[in-house]
Structures are given as C-alpha cells and as structure tokens.
Amino acid sequence: MAKLLKPENFIKYLKCPCPKGGDLKITGKSVSCSECGKSYSFEDNILNFIKSDELESSKSRELKAHTYELSKEMIEHYANKERWSRFYDHFSEKKIRHLLNYFDRLNCGEFFALGTGTGFELKKILSKRKFEAIYASDISNTALRIVPHSLSQFNIKCGLFTSDLDYCPIKTKEMPVLIYEAMHHTDDMHATIESLLKKGYRDILFVEPTTNGLVKLLAKLGLAEREEYSGLKPKWLELGKLNELTRKYGYKSSIITMWDIPEGYFRKFYKKEGIVQDMFLSFVDMISGITNLFKFGSFSIVHLRKR
C-alpha cells in the first residue's frame, strides 16, 4: 500500500485556507493558523481543513453525495473503478495520456491533486509514470480514506488533506497542481479557476467538461450539462473565458480538446460490449482528432504555465 505521510511531513507546503493564509503549526492532534487562530484536526494522518457545519449549502450537498460507506465491499468497488466499464475506461485513458504528455514536459517528481475523489485517476497516472510523492485532497474525508487502497500497488508517498477547491490551502508555487473533473462541481468553475490563477502557481493542469455551440444546443435538449446527483446543475468550461483569465493573470495555455460520449446514451442503441462498441469508440477518437484542430470538443485537457 502507498505510504501515508504524517501531516508534519507535508505541512510545509500548505497554509491556512483563511483569507490571511497564515502559516500552520502542529500542536498535539491539531493544526493551528498563525493569523486567524483557527485550528484543524487530523486523524489517521488525514488533515481536515473541511468543517461540514461551515460549508455553503451547495458544497454540503456535494460532501453528502461523496460520503462513502467504508465497508470492505465499497472500498474494493471504488478502488477498482477501471473494472466498471471498458467504455468509460476508454475515454479516461485518452484524457490521462494527454495529461501525461504535459507532465513529461514538467519532469517533476511530485505534485498536488485537488478534488481527487477516491484516487481512480491517480491510479491511472501512476500505472504509466513514476512519481515520488502525491499530495491529494478532496472535500470528502471518506473518499480520501479510499485513496491508499486505490494506490496499494504503487511505491508512492501520499499526503492527504480535505479542502475546498475555492479556498485552496497550497502554499508552494513551484509544485504542479492537478484538478481532474472536479471544478465543474463548484458553483462557478471560472471563478474557481480565477482563484487559483490569483495565487500564482507555476503550473496548473486540469481536465474538465467543456461547452460550445453544439454542447449548448444539446443542453437545451436535456442531453448535456444535466443536473448532477448532488443536485448541482454544472456550467461547463468556456474556452473563451479561460483565455481571458490566462491573459489577465499572465499564463500561457496549452489545450487539447476531445469528445467524450456518456455511456448511457450509447447503451440506448447498443447494449453489449463488442465490435460495434469498438468501432464507435474509434470513430469518436477520429472526430476528436479533427475537431481538436479547432479546439472544439466536450472535454478539455489543459496546462496553464505562469509566464
């Protein structure tokens, strides 16, 4: 199993999520802020910046939707999501490979992962590239408790902490920050992106669903941007708004777009896995290759680099 780091081993990279962003000090079983004086607990080596009674209503719903029963069966279920569906796994593999091309340019040994859930994407990343350490965060403590099981086959150091994407507690600017399909769970994805850009992290990488004229038409028909199981109806990434933000805060962007077709739609026409599914997936990949030339797709894999 991955080696779970004690908070004292990675707290130097973090700051208090309060507006003053004070330094953190460990005292006994808690961590306190030098500026606001607020204290945060840690248990089983997971540092908790999230206090459920202080969350906004939409984020409380998100937390509730991502609180898992930690039975042996449920842990096994979420730690092995790649077994759920070959259709789903196909698009996930494509996104991860594009993402790793960005990581190859950075030549880094460790990174932060925000909104990491149960660690499914981290597992895919580590199966293809070796890293020394990952510092992973999510709004849900129970999701993070599954991460070491997801990464059990890897020799990796892992620091875990709960946090809110809109109040990022990362202090260091040099280490890459990765967000994988999590920002569309916030009330305003572009405001979340802007909050990260304001902090001046050198490298920000993310994968998010993306809107355009076709997607907006599908949304009107109820076929895209549908209500999440938490009750949130997300607004997807707009590349025009992203470009405005990167210019404003002095970032250079690299963007790859692709199409990801929800499996539920495909299953309405073809119930089983087989040659028809393989042909369909290959066709979608071909279309993605063409439309990426025009940055037109339903998902974007993005690397933002501080100039």
C-alpha atoms as a PDB file:
ATOM      1  CA  MET A   1       0.000   0.000   0.000  1.00  0.00           C
ATOM      2  CA  ALA A   2       1.066   3.578  -0.594  1.00  0.00           C
ATOM      3  CA  LYS A   3       2.967   5.115   2.317  1.00  0.00           C
ATOM      4  CA  LEU A   4       0.666   7.582   4.054  1.00  0.00           C
ATOM      5  CA  LEU A   5       2.632  10.609   5.216  1.00  0.00           C
ATOM      6  CA  LYS A   6       2.008  12.258   8.559  1.00  0.00           C
ATOM      7  CA  PRO A   7       0.843  15.900   8.289  1.00  0.00           C
ATOM      8  CA  GLU A   8       4.127  17.031   9.849  1.00  0.00           C
ATOM      9  CA  ASN A   9       5.888  15.725   6.727  1.00  0.00           C
ATOM     10  CA  PHE A  10       3.957  17.849   4.232  1.00  0.00           C
ATOM     11  CA  ILE A  11       2.504  20.759   6.214  1.00  0.00           C
ATOM     12  CA  LYS A  12       5.374  22.950   4.988  1.00  0.00           C
ATOM     13  CA  TYR A  13       3.683  23.013   1.576  1.00  0.00           C
ATOM     14  CA  LEU A  14       0.361  24.231   2.989  1.00  0.00           C
ATOM     15  CA  LYS A  15      -1.154  27.336   4.521  1.00  0.00           C
ATOM     16  CA  CYS A  16      -4.434  28.112   6.235  1.00  0.00           C
ATOM     17  CA  PRO A  17      -7.339  28.435   3.750  1.00  0.00           C
ATOM     18  CA  CYS A  18      -8.471  31.593   5.559  1.00  0.00           C
ATOM     19  CA  PRO A  19      -8.188  34.941   3.673  1.00  0.00           C
ATOM     20  CA  LYS A  20      -4.940  35.783   5.514  1.00  0.00           C
ATOM     21  CA  GLY A  21      -3.374  32.453   4.548  1.00  0.00           C
ATOM     22  CA  GLY A  22      -1.375  32.078   7.734  1.00  0.00           C
ATOM     23  CA  ASP A  23       1.365  29.560   8.417  1.00  0.00           C
ATOM     24  CA  LEU A  24       0.341  26.313  10.088  1.00  0.00           C
ATOM     25  CA  LYS A  25       1.695  24.848  13.289  1.00  0.00           C
ATOM     26  CA  ILE A  26       1.067  21.363  14.671  1.00  0.00           C
ATOM     27  CA  THR A  27       0.080  21.191  18.322  1.00  0.00           C
ATOM     28  CA  GLY A  28      -0.890  17.789  19.631  1.00  0.00           C
ATOM     29  CA  LYS A  29      -3.672  16.350  17.450  1.00  0.00           C
ATOM     30  CA  SER A  30      -4.486  19.597  15.653  1.00  0.00           C
ATOM     31  CA  VAL A  31      -3.037  22.224  13.339  1.00  0.00           C
ATOM     32  CA  SER A  32      -3.481  25.928  14.031  1.00  0.00           C
ATOM     33  CA  CYS A  33      -3.190  29.065  11.879  1.00  0.00           C
ATOM     34  CA  SER A  34      -0.735  31.763  12.928  1.00  0.00           C
ATOM     35  CA  GLU A  35      -3.027  34.509  11.569  1.00  0.00           C
ATOM     36  CA  CYS A  36      -6.673  33.666  12.252  1.00  0.00           C
ATOM     37  CA  GLY A  37      -6.058  31.247  15.115  1.00  0.00           C
ATOM     38  CA  LYS A  38      -8.420  28.634  13.694  1.00  0.00           C
ATOM     39  CA  SER A  39      -7.480  25.032  14.410  1.00  0.00           C
ATOM     40  CA  TYR A  40      -7.921  21.977  12.221  1.00  0.00           C
ATOM     41  CA  SER A  41      -7.895  18.370  13.310  1.00  0.00           C
ATOM     42  CA  PHE A  42      -6.099  15.451  11.768  1.00  0.00           C
ATOM     43  CA  GLU A  43      -6.998  11.825  12.192  1.00  0.00           C
ATOM     44  CA  ASP A  44      -5.368   8.719  10.706  1.00  0.00           C
ATOM     45  CA  ASN A  45      -2.869  11.117   9.075  1.00  0.00           C
ATOM     46  CA  ILE A  46      -5.573  12.978   7.128  1.00  0.00           C
ATOM     47  CA  LEU A  47      -5.517  16.732   7.769  1.00  0.00           C
ATOM     48  CA  ASN A  48      -9.043  18.188   7.770  1.00  0.00           C
ATOM     49  CA  PHE A  49      -9.496  21.744   6.523  1.00  0.00           C
ATOM     50  CA  ILE A  50     -13.183  20.989   5.865  1.00  0.00           C
ATOM     51  CA  LYS A  51     -15.675  21.664   8.635  1.00  0.00           C
ATOM     52  CA  SER A  52     -19.046  20.433   7.413  1.00  0.00           C
ATOM     53  CA  ASP A  53     -21.059  22.892   9.514  1.00  0.00           C
ATOM     54  CA  GLU A  54     -19.255  25.826   7.842  1.00  0.00           C
ATOM     55  CA  LEU A  55     -19.882  24.778   4.230  1.00  0.00           C
ATOM     56  CA  GLU A  56     -22.263  26.584   1.884  1.00  0.00           C
ATOM     57  CA  SER A  57     -25.438  24.626   1.088  1.00  0.00           C
ATOM     58  CA  SER A  58     -24.292  23.560  -2.393  1.00  0.00           C
ATOM     59  CA  LYS A  59     -20.996  22.273  -1.025  1.00  0.00           C
ATOM     60  CA  SER A  60     -22.776  20.486   1.809  1.00  0.00           C
ATOM     61  CA  ARG A  61     -24.749  18.623  -0.854  1.00  0.00           C
ATOM     62  CA  GLU A  62     -21.526  17.784  -2.684  1.00  0.00           C
ATOM     63  CA  LEU A  63     -19.994  16.459   0.520  1.00  0.00           C
ATOM     64  CA  LYS A  64     -23.070  14.364   1.246  1.00  0.00           C
ATOM     65  CA  ALA A  65     -23.054  12.967  -2.298  1.00  0.00           C
ATOM     66  CA  HIS A  66     -19.391  11.959  -1.938  1.00  0.00           C
ATOM     67  CA  THR A  67     -19.523  10.458   1.530  1.00  0.00           C
ATOM     68  CA  TYR A  68     -18.931   6.735   1.230  1.00  0.00           C
ATOM     69  CA  GLU A  69     -19.614   3.749   3.413  1.00  0.00           C
ATOM     70  CA  LEU A  70     -16.195   2.345   4.246  1.00  0.00           C
ATOM     71  CA  SER A  71     -17.113  -1.319   4.166  1.00  0.00           C
ATOM     72  CA  LYS A  72     -14.694  -3.782   2.597  1.00  0.00           C
ATOM     73  CA  GLU A  73     -17.015  -4.218  -0.390  1.00  0.00           C
ATOM     74  CA  MET A  74     -17.403  -0.482  -1.007  1.00  0.00           C
ATOM     75  CA  ILE A  75     -13.680   0.191  -0.696  1.00  0.00           C
ATOM     76  CA  GLU A  76     -12.989  -2.583  -3.207  1.00  0.00           C
ATOM     77  CA  HIS A  77     -15.676  -1.181  -5.504  1.00  0.00           C
ATOM     78  CA  TYR A  78     -14.277   2.359  -5.623  1.00  0.00           C
ATOM     79  CA  ALA A  79     -10.609   1.383  -5.518  1.00  0.00           C
ATOM     80  CA  ASN A  80     -11.053  -0.537  -8.784  1.00  0.00           C
ATOM     81  CA  LYS A  81     -13.180   1.767 -10.919  1.00  0.00           C
ATOM     82  CA  GLU A  82     -11.271   0.751 -14.041  1.00  0.00           C
ATOM     83  CA  ARG A  83     -13.217  -2.524 -13.901  1.00  0.00           C
ATOM     84  CA  TRP A  84     -16.601  -0.840 -14.069  1.00  0.00           C
ATOM     85  CA  SER A  85     -16.820  -0.361 -17.821  1.00  0.00           C
ATOM     86  CA  ARG A  86     -14.497  -0.669 -20.807  1.00  0.00           C
ATOM     87  CA  PHE A  87     -16.492   2.115 -22.499  1.00  0.00           C
ATOM     88  CA  TYR A  88     -15.904   4.546 -19.616  1.00  0.00           C
ATOM     89  CA  ASP A  89     -12.304   3.444 -19.248  1.00  0.00           C
ATOM     90  CA  HIS A  90     -11.596   4.188 -22.929  1.00  0.00           C
ATOM     91  CA  PHE A  91     -12.208   7.928 -22.597  1.00  0.00           C
ATOM     92  CA  SER A  92     -10.477   8.058 -19.236  1.00  0.00           C
ATOM     93  CA  GLU A  93      -7.353   6.531 -20.790  1.00  0.00           C
ATOM     94  CA  LYS A  94      -7.359   9.144 -23.558  1.00  0.00           C
ATOM     95  CA  LYS A  95      -7.554  12.018 -21.089  1.00  0.00           C
ATOM     96  CA  ILE A  96      -4.821  10.572 -18.875  1.00  0.00           C
ATOM     97  CA  ARG A  97      -2.450  10.082 -21.818  1.00  0.00           C
ATOM     98  CA  HIS A  98      -2.887  13.700 -22.919  1.00  0.00           C
ATOM     99  CA  LEU A  99      -2.356  14.812 -19.333  1.00  0.00           C
ATOM    100  CA  LEU A 100       0.834  12.775 -19.015  1.00  0.00           C
ATOM    101  CA  ASN A 101       2.252  14.463 -22.102  1.00  0.00           C
ATOM    102  CA  TYR A 102       2.050  17.700 -20.125  1.00  0.00           C
ATOM    103  CA  PHE A 103       3.647  16.075 -17.076  1.00  0.00           C
ATOM    104  CA  ASP A 104       6.504  14.813 -19.254  1.00  0.00           C
ATOM    105  CA  ARG A 105       7.392  18.417 -20.081  1.00  0.00           C
ATOM    106  CA  LEU A 106       7.492  19.329 -16.386  1.00  0.00           C
ATOM    107  CA  ASN A 107       9.811  16.488 -15.344  1.00  0.00           C
ATOM    108  CA  CYS A 108       8.518  16.668 -11.757  1.00  0.00           C
ATOM    109  CA  GLY A 109       8.750  14.056  -9.010  1.00  0.00           C
ATOM    110  CA  GLU A 110       5.710  15.141  -7.005  1.00  0.00           C
ATOM    111  CA  PHE A 111       2.510  17.112  -7.433  1.00  0.00           C
ATOM    112  CA  PHE A 112      -0.719  18.200  -5.773  1.00  0.00           C
ATOM    113  CA  ALA A 113      -4.057  16.689  -6.808  1.00  0.00           C
ATOM    114  CA  LEU A 114      -7.219  18.568  -5.801  1.00  0.00           C
ATOM    115  CA  GLY A 115     -10.721  17.111  -5.943  1.00  0.00           C
ATOM    116  CA  THR A 116      -9.118  13.709  -6.286  1.00  0.00           C
ATOM    117  CA  GLY A 117     -12.068  11.656  -5.026  1.00  0.00           C
ATOM    118  CA  THR A 118     -11.156   8.047  -4.302  1.00  0.00           C
ATOM    119  CA  GLY A 119      -7.952   8.200  -6.371  1.00  0.00           C
ATOM    120  CA  PHE A 120      -9.055   6.498  -9.585  1.00  0.00           C
ATOM    121  CA  GLU A 121      -7.249   8.942 -11.873  1.00  0.00           C
ATOM    122  CA  LEU A 122      -4.160   8.929  -9.645  1.00  0.00           C
ATOM    123  CA  LYS A 123      -4.063   5.162 -10.034  1.00  0.00           C
ATOM    124  CA  LYS A 124      -4.100   5.505 -13.812  1.00  0.00           C
ATOM    125  CA  ILE A 125      -1.373   8.156 -13.743  1.00  0.00           C
ATOM    126  CA  LEU A 126       0.898   6.056 -11.528  1.00  0.00           C
ATOM    127  CA  SER A 127       0.385   2.979 -13.696  1.00  0.00           C
ATOM    128  CA  LYS A 128       2.076   4.879 -16.534  1.00  0.00           C
ATOM    129  CA  ARG A 129       4.552   7.241 -14.816  1.00  0.00           C
ATOM    130  CA  LYS A 130       6.617   7.046 -11.647  1.00  0.00           C
ATOM    131  CA  PHE A 131       6.392   9.811  -9.058  1.00  0.00           C
ATOM    132  CA  GLU A 132       7.985  10.095  -5.627  1.00  0.00           C
ATOM    133  CA  ALA A 133       5.045  11.708  -3.821  1.00  0.00           C
ATOM    134  CA  ILE A 134       1.491  12.932  -4.324  1.00  0.00           C
ATOM    135  CA  TYR A 135      -0.353  15.330  -2.041  1.00  0.00           C
ATOM    136  CA  ALA A 136      -4.033  14.610  -2.605  1.00  0.00           C
ATOM    137  CA  SER A 137      -7.104  16.471  -1.445  1.00  0.00           C
ATOM    138  CA  ASP A 138     -10.876  16.225  -1.675  1.00  0.00           C
ATOM    139  CA  ILE A 139     -13.870  17.738   0.074  1.00  0.00           C
ATOM    140  CA  SER A 140     -14.750  14.264   1.378  1.00  0.00           C
ATOM    141  CA  ASN A 141     -12.771  12.598   4.149  1.00  0.00           C
ATOM    142  CA  THR A 142     -14.260   9.185   3.363  1.00  0.00           C
ATOM    143  CA  ALA A 143     -13.227   9.484  -0.289  1.00  0.00           C
ATOM    144  CA  LEU A 144      -9.647  10.186   0.787  1.00  0.00           C
ATOM    145  CA  ARG A 145      -9.673   7.133   3.041  1.00  0.00           C
ATOM    146  CA  ILE A 146     -10.102   5.007  -0.080  1.00  0.00           C
ATOM    147  CA  VAL A 147      -7.118   6.604  -1.862  1.00  0.00           C
ATOM    148  CA  PRO A 148      -4.443   4.418  -0.160  1.00  0.00           C
ATOM    149  CA  HIS A 149      -6.396   1.340  -1.275  1.00  0.00           C
ATOM    150  CA  SER A 150      -6.622   2.661  -4.848  1.00  0.00           C
ATOM    151  CA  LEU A 151      -2.839   3.189  -4.834  1.00  0.00           C
ATOM    152  CA  SER A 152      -1.981  -0.012  -2.949  1.00  0.00           C
ATOM    153  CA  GLN A 153       0.142  -1.470  -5.766  1.00  0.00           C
ATOM    154  CA  PHE A 154       2.447   1.562  -6.012  1.00  0.00           C
ATOM    155  CA  ASN A 155       5.522   2.576  -4.062  1.00  0.00           C
ATOM    156  CA  ILE A 156       4.426   6.165  -3.527  1.00  0.00           C
ATOM    157  CA  LYS A 157       4.396   8.619  -0.634  1.00  0.00           C
ATOM    158  CA  CYS A 158       0.989  10.172  -0.178  1.00  0.00           C
ATOM    159  CA  GLY A 159      -0.099  13.166   1.903  1.00  0.00           C
ATOM    160  CA  LEU A 160      -3.865  13.542   2.346  1.00  0.00           C
ATOM    161  CA  PHE A 161      -5.952  16.555   3.366  1.00  0.00           C
ATOM    162  CA  THR A 162      -9.545  17.686   2.914  1.00  0.00           C
ATOM    163  CA  SER A 163     -10.072  21.096   1.317  1.00  0.00           C
ATOM    164  CA  ASP A 164     -12.446  23.291  -0.653  1.00  0.00           C
ATOM    165  CA  LEU A 165     -11.456  23.997  -4.270  1.00  0.00           C
ATOM    166  CA  ASP A 166     -12.449  27.643  -3.842  1.00  0.00           C
ATOM    167  CA  TYR A 167     -10.155  28.072  -0.824  1.00  0.00           C
ATOM    168  CA  CYS A 168      -7.014  26.275  -1.893  1.00  0.00           C
ATOM    169  CA  PRO A 169      -4.518  25.840   1.014  1.00  0.00           C
ATOM    170  CA  ILE A 170      -1.428  25.131  -1.109  1.00  0.00           C
ATOM    171  CA  LYS A 171       1.414  27.485  -0.200  1.00  0.00           C
ATOM    172  CA  THR A 172       4.207  26.365  -2.501  1.00  0.00           C
ATOM    173  CA  LYS A 173       4.071  27.833  -6.016  1.00  0.00           C
ATOM    174  CA  GLU A 174       6.605  25.549  -7.698  1.00  0.00           C
ATOM    175  CA  MET A 175       4.829  22.193  -7.448  1.00  0.00           C
ATOM    176  CA  PRO A 176       2.266  21.344 -10.187  1.00  0.00           C
ATOM    177  CA  VAL A 177      -1.396  21.466  -9.185  1.00  0.00           C
ATOM    178  CA  LEU A 178      -3.756  18.974 -10.878  1.00  0.00           C
ATOM    179  CA  ILE A 179      -7.565  19.057 -10.840  1.00  0.00           C
ATOM    180  CA  TYR A 180      -9.292  16.208 -12.657  1.00  0.00           C
ATOM    181  CA  GLU A 181     -13.004  16.613 -13.426  1.00  0.00           C
ATOM    182  CA  ALA A 182     -13.755  18.367 -10.133  1.00  0.00           C
ATOM    183  CA  MET A 183     -14.156  22.084 -10.839  1.00  0.00           C
ATOM    184  CA  HIS A 184     -17.490  21.633 -12.610  1.00  0.00           C
ATOM    185  CA  HIS A 185     -18.828  20.556  -9.210  1.00  0.00           C
ATOM    186  CA  THR A 186     -18.338  24.117  -7.908  1.00  0.00           C
ATOM    187  CA  ASP A 187     -20.945  26.862  -8.260  1.00  0.00           C
ATOM    188  CA  ASP A 188     -18.811  28.780 -10.782  1.00  0.00           C
ATOM    189  CA  MET A 189     -15.960  26.918 -12.457  1.00  0.00           C
ATOM    190  CA  HIS A 190     -14.423  30.062 -13.927  1.00  0.00           C
ATOM    191  CA  ALA A 191     -14.368  31.775 -10.525  1.00  0.00           C
ATOM    192  CA  THR A 192     -12.627  28.671  -9.135  1.00  0.00           C
ATOM    193  CA  ILE A 193     -10.025  28.832 -11.910  1.00  0.00           C
ATOM    194  CA  GLU A 194      -9.511  32.536 -11.271  1.00  0.00           C
ATOM    195  CA  SER A 195      -8.975  31.926  -7.555  1.00  0.00           C
ATOM    196  CA  LEU A 196      -6.156  29.513  -8.438  1.00  0.00           C
ATOM    197  CA  LEU A 197      -4.609  31.860 -11.000  1.00  0.00           C
ATOM    198  CA  LYS A 198      -4.558  34.667  -8.448  1.00  0.00           C
ATOM    199  CA  LYS A 199      -2.349  32.534  -6.211  1.00  0.00           C
ATOM    200  CA  GLY A 200       0.283  32.364  -8.938  1.00  0.00           C
ATOM    201  CA  TYR A 201       1.015  28.634  -9.067  1.00  0.00           C
ATOM    202  CA  ARG A 202       3.624  27.958 -11.736  1.00  0.00           C
ATOM    203  CA  ASP A 203       1.814  25.009 -13.325  1.00  0.00           C
ATOM    204  CA  ILE A 204      -1.898  24.258 -13.174  1.00  0.00           C
ATOM    205  CA  LEU A 205      -3.265  21.237 -15.011  1.00  0.00           C
ATOM    206  CA  PHE A 206      -6.893  20.232 -15.285  1.00  0.00           C
ATOM    207  CA  VAL A 207      -9.386  18.108 -17.173  1.00  0.00           C
ATOM    208  CA  GLU A 208     -12.943  19.456 -17.360  1.00  0.00           C
ATOM    209  CA  PRO A 209     -16.117  19.140 -19.453  1.00  0.00           C
ATOM    210  CA  THR A 210     -16.270  21.949 -21.989  1.00  0.00           C
ATOM    211  CA  THR A 211     -19.122  23.798 -23.627  1.00  0.00           C
ATOM    212  CA  ASN A 212     -19.508  25.188 -27.140  1.00  0.00           C
ATOM    213  CA  GLY A 213     -22.332  25.901 -29.587  1.00  0.00           C
ATOM    214  CA  LEU A 214     -23.167  22.232 -30.106  1.00  0.00           C
ATOM    215  CA  VAL A 215     -22.985  21.364 -26.400  1.00  0.00           C
ATOM    216  CA  LYS A 216     -25.229  24.340 -25.554  1.00  0.00           C
ATOM    217  CA  LEU A 217     -27.782  23.079 -28.068  1.00  0.00           C
ATOM    218  CA  LEU A 218     -27.624  19.604 -26.516  1.00  0.00           C
ATOM    219  CA  ALA A 219     -28.025  21.181 -23.075  1.00  0.00           C
ATOM    220  CA  LYS A 220     -31.294  22.793 -24.196  1.00  0.00           C
ATOM    221  CA  LEU A 221     -32.459  19.334 -25.256  1.00  0.00           C
ATOM    222  CA  GLY A 222     -31.509  17.921 -21.857  1.00  0.00           C
ATOM    223  CA  LEU A 223     -28.603  15.912 -23.293  1.00  0.00           C
ATOM    224  CA  ALA A 224     -25.693  17.844 -21.738  1.00  0.00           C
ATOM    225  CA  GLU A 225     -24.874  19.835 -18.596  1.00  0.00           C
ATOM    226  CA  ARG A 226     -27.500  17.820 -16.776  1.00  0.00           C
ATOM    227  CA  GLU A 227     -28.118  18.023 -13.046  1.00  0.00           C
ATOM    228  CA  GLU A 228     -25.523  16.137 -11.002  1.00  0.00           C
ATOM    229  CA  TYR A 229     -26.536  13.561  -8.382  1.00  0.00           C
ATOM    230  CA  SER A 230     -25.704  16.176  -5.731  1.00  0.00           C
ATOM    231  CA  GLY A 231     -28.429  18.446  -7.141  1.00  0.00           C
ATOM    232  CA  LEU A 232     -25.981  20.859  -8.805  1.00  0.00           C
ATOM    233  CA  LYS A 233     -26.543  21.717 -12.462  1.00  0.00           C
ATOM    234  CA  PRO A 234     -22.991  22.466 -13.622  1.00  0.00           C
ATOM    235  CA  LYS A 235     -21.880  25.107 -16.075  1.00  0.00           C
ATOM    236  CA  TRP A 236     -19.024  23.761 -18.136  1.00  0.00           C
ATOM    237  CA  LEU A 237     -15.725  25.315 -19.115  1.00  0.00           C
ATOM    238  CA  GLU A 238     -15.833  28.041 -21.759  1.00  0.00           C
ATOM    239  CA  LEU A 239     -12.506  28.317 -23.556  1.00  0.00           C
ATOM    240  CA  GLY A 240     -13.110  31.974 -24.411  1.00  0.00           C
ATOM    241  CA  LYS A 241     -13.454  32.837 -20.717  1.00  0.00           C
ATOM    242  CA  LEU A 242     -10.407  30.708 -19.900  1.00  0.00           C
ATOM    243  CA  ASN A 243      -8.313  32.593 -22.459  1.00  0.00           C
ATOM    244  CA  GLU A 244      -9.407  35.909 -20.946  1.00  0.00           C
ATOM    245  CA  LEU A 245      -8.345  34.745 -17.486  1.00  0.00           C
ATOM    246  CA  THR A 246      -4.970  33.447 -18.637  1.00  0.00           C
ATOM    247  CA  ARG A 247      -4.189  36.756 -20.333  1.00  0.00           C
ATOM    248  CA  LYS A 248      -5.281  38.680 -17.242  1.00  0.00           C
ATOM    249  CA  TYR A 249      -3.040  36.726 -14.867  1.00  0.00           C
ATOM    250  CA  GLY A 250      -0.073  36.139 -17.148  1.00  0.00           C
ATOM    251  CA  TYR A 251      -0.405  32.441 -18.004  1.00  0.00           C
ATOM    252  CA  LYS A 252       0.353  30.575 -21.200  1.00  0.00           C
ATOM    253  CA  SER A 253      -2.172  27.858 -22.036  1.00  0.00           C
ATOM    254  CA  SER A 254      -1.874  24.539 -23.824  1.00  0.00           C
ATOM    255  CA  ILE A 255      -5.248  22.954 -24.572  1.00  0.00           C
ATOM    256  CA  ILE A 256      -6.308  19.641 -26.093  1.00  0.00           C
ATOM    257  CA  THR A 257      -9.996  19.040 -26.773  1.00  0.00           C
ATOM    258  CA  MET A 258     -11.779  15.738 -27.300  1.00  0.00           C
ATOM    259  CA  TRP A 259     -15.252  14.268 -27.371  1.00  0.00           C
ATOM    260  CA  ASP A 260     -16.471  12.023 -24.577  1.00  0.00           C
ATOM    261  CA  ILE A 261     -19.848  10.396 -25.182  1.00  0.00           C
ATOM    262  CA  PRO A 262     -21.696   9.316 -21.993  1.00  0.00           C
ATOM    263  CA  GLU A 263     -22.104   5.563 -21.925  1.00  0.00           C
ATOM    264  CA  GLY A 264     -25.779   5.829 -21.022  1.00  0.00           C
ATOM    265  CA  TYR A 265     -26.538   7.363 -24.415  1.00  0.00           C
ATOM    266  CA  PHE A 266     -24.666   4.665 -26.313  1.00  0.00           C
ATOM    267  CA  ARG A 267     -26.352   1.872 -24.344  1.00  0.00           C
ATOM    268  CA  LYS A 268     -29.755   3.033 -25.538  1.00  0.00           C
ATOM    269  CA  PHE A 269     -28.754   1.832 -29.004  1.00  0.00           C
ATOM    270  CA  TYR A 270     -26.292  -0.969 -28.279  1.00  0.00           C
ATOM    271  CA  LYS A 271     -26.462  -2.872 -25.013  1.00  0.00           C
ATOM    272  CA  LYS A 272     -23.369  -5.073 -25.126  1.00  0.00           C
ATOM    273  CA  GLU A 273     -19.631  -4.613 -25.447  1.00  0.00           C
ATOM    274  CA  GLY A 274     -18.166  -5.851 -28.695  1.00  0.00           C
ATOM    275  CA  ILE A 275     -17.084  -4.889 -32.188  1.00  0.00           C
ATOM    276  CA  VAL A 276     -19.812  -2.264 -32.648  1.00  0.00           C
ATOM    277  CA  GLN A 277     -18.694  -0.517 -29.472  1.00  0.00           C
ATOM    278  CA  ASP A 278     -15.052  -0.663 -30.570  1.00  0.00           C
ATOM    279  CA  MET A 279     -15.917   0.811 -33.961  1.00  0.00           C
ATOM    280  CA  PHE A 280     -17.939   3.588 -32.330  1.00  0.00           C
ATOM    281  CA  LEU A 281     -15.123   4.492 -29.931  1.00  0.00           C
ATOM    282  CA  SER A 282     -12.621   4.574 -32.788  1.00  0.00           C
ATOM    283  CA  PHE A 283     -14.971   6.846 -34.734  1.00  0.00           C
ATOM    284  CA  VAL A 284     -15.276   9.255 -31.776  1.00  0.00           C
ATOM    285  CA  ASP A 285     -11.475   9.297 -31.443  1.00  0.00           C
ATOM    286  CA  MET A 286     -11.127  10.147 -35.120  1.00  0.00           C
ATOM    287  CA  ILE A 287     -13.612  13.017 -34.802  1.00  0.00           C
ATOM    288  CA  SER A 288     -11.762  14.267 -31.707  1.00  0.00           C
ATOM    289  CA  GLY A 289      -8.500  14.342 -33.643  1.00  0.00           C
ATOM    290  CA  ILE A 290     -10.075  16.518 -36.326  1.00  0.00           C
ATOM    291  CA  THR A 291     -12.027  18.891 -34.071  1.00  0.00           C
ATOM    292  CA  ASN A 292      -9.050  19.382 -31.746  1.00  0.00           C
ATOM    293  CA  LEU A 293      -7.510  21.413 -34.584  1.00  0.00           C
ATOM    294  CA  PHE A 294     -10.281  23.933 -33.919  1.00  0.00           C
ATOM    295  CA  LYS A 295     -10.367  23.410 -30.119  1.00  0.00           C
ATOM    296  CA  PHE A 296     -13.882  22.041 -30.364  1.00  0.00           C
ATOM    297  CA  GLY A 297     -14.959  19.195 -28.092  1.00  0.00           C
ATOM    298  CA  SER A 298     -16.873  18.228 -24.971  1.00  0.00           C
ATOM    299  CA  PHE A 299     -13.752  17.930 -22.782  1.00  0.00           C
ATOM    300  CA  SER A 300     -10.540  19.918 -22.442  1.00  0.00           C
ATOM    301  CA  ILE A 301      -7.184  18.784 -21.093  1.00  0.00           C
ATOM    302  CA  VAL A 302      -5.397  21.973 -20.065  1.00  0.00           C
ATOM    303  CA  HIS A 303      -1.938  23.028 -18.899  1.00  0.00           C
ATOM    304  CA  LEU A 304      -1.544  26.592 -17.682  1.00  0.00           C
ATOM    305  CA  ARG A 305       2.027  27.860 -17.181  1.00  0.00           C
ATOM    306  CA  LYS A 306       2.867  31.096 -15.396  1.00  0.00           C
ATOM    307  CA  ARG A 307       4.817  33.337 -17.752  1.00  0.00           C
END
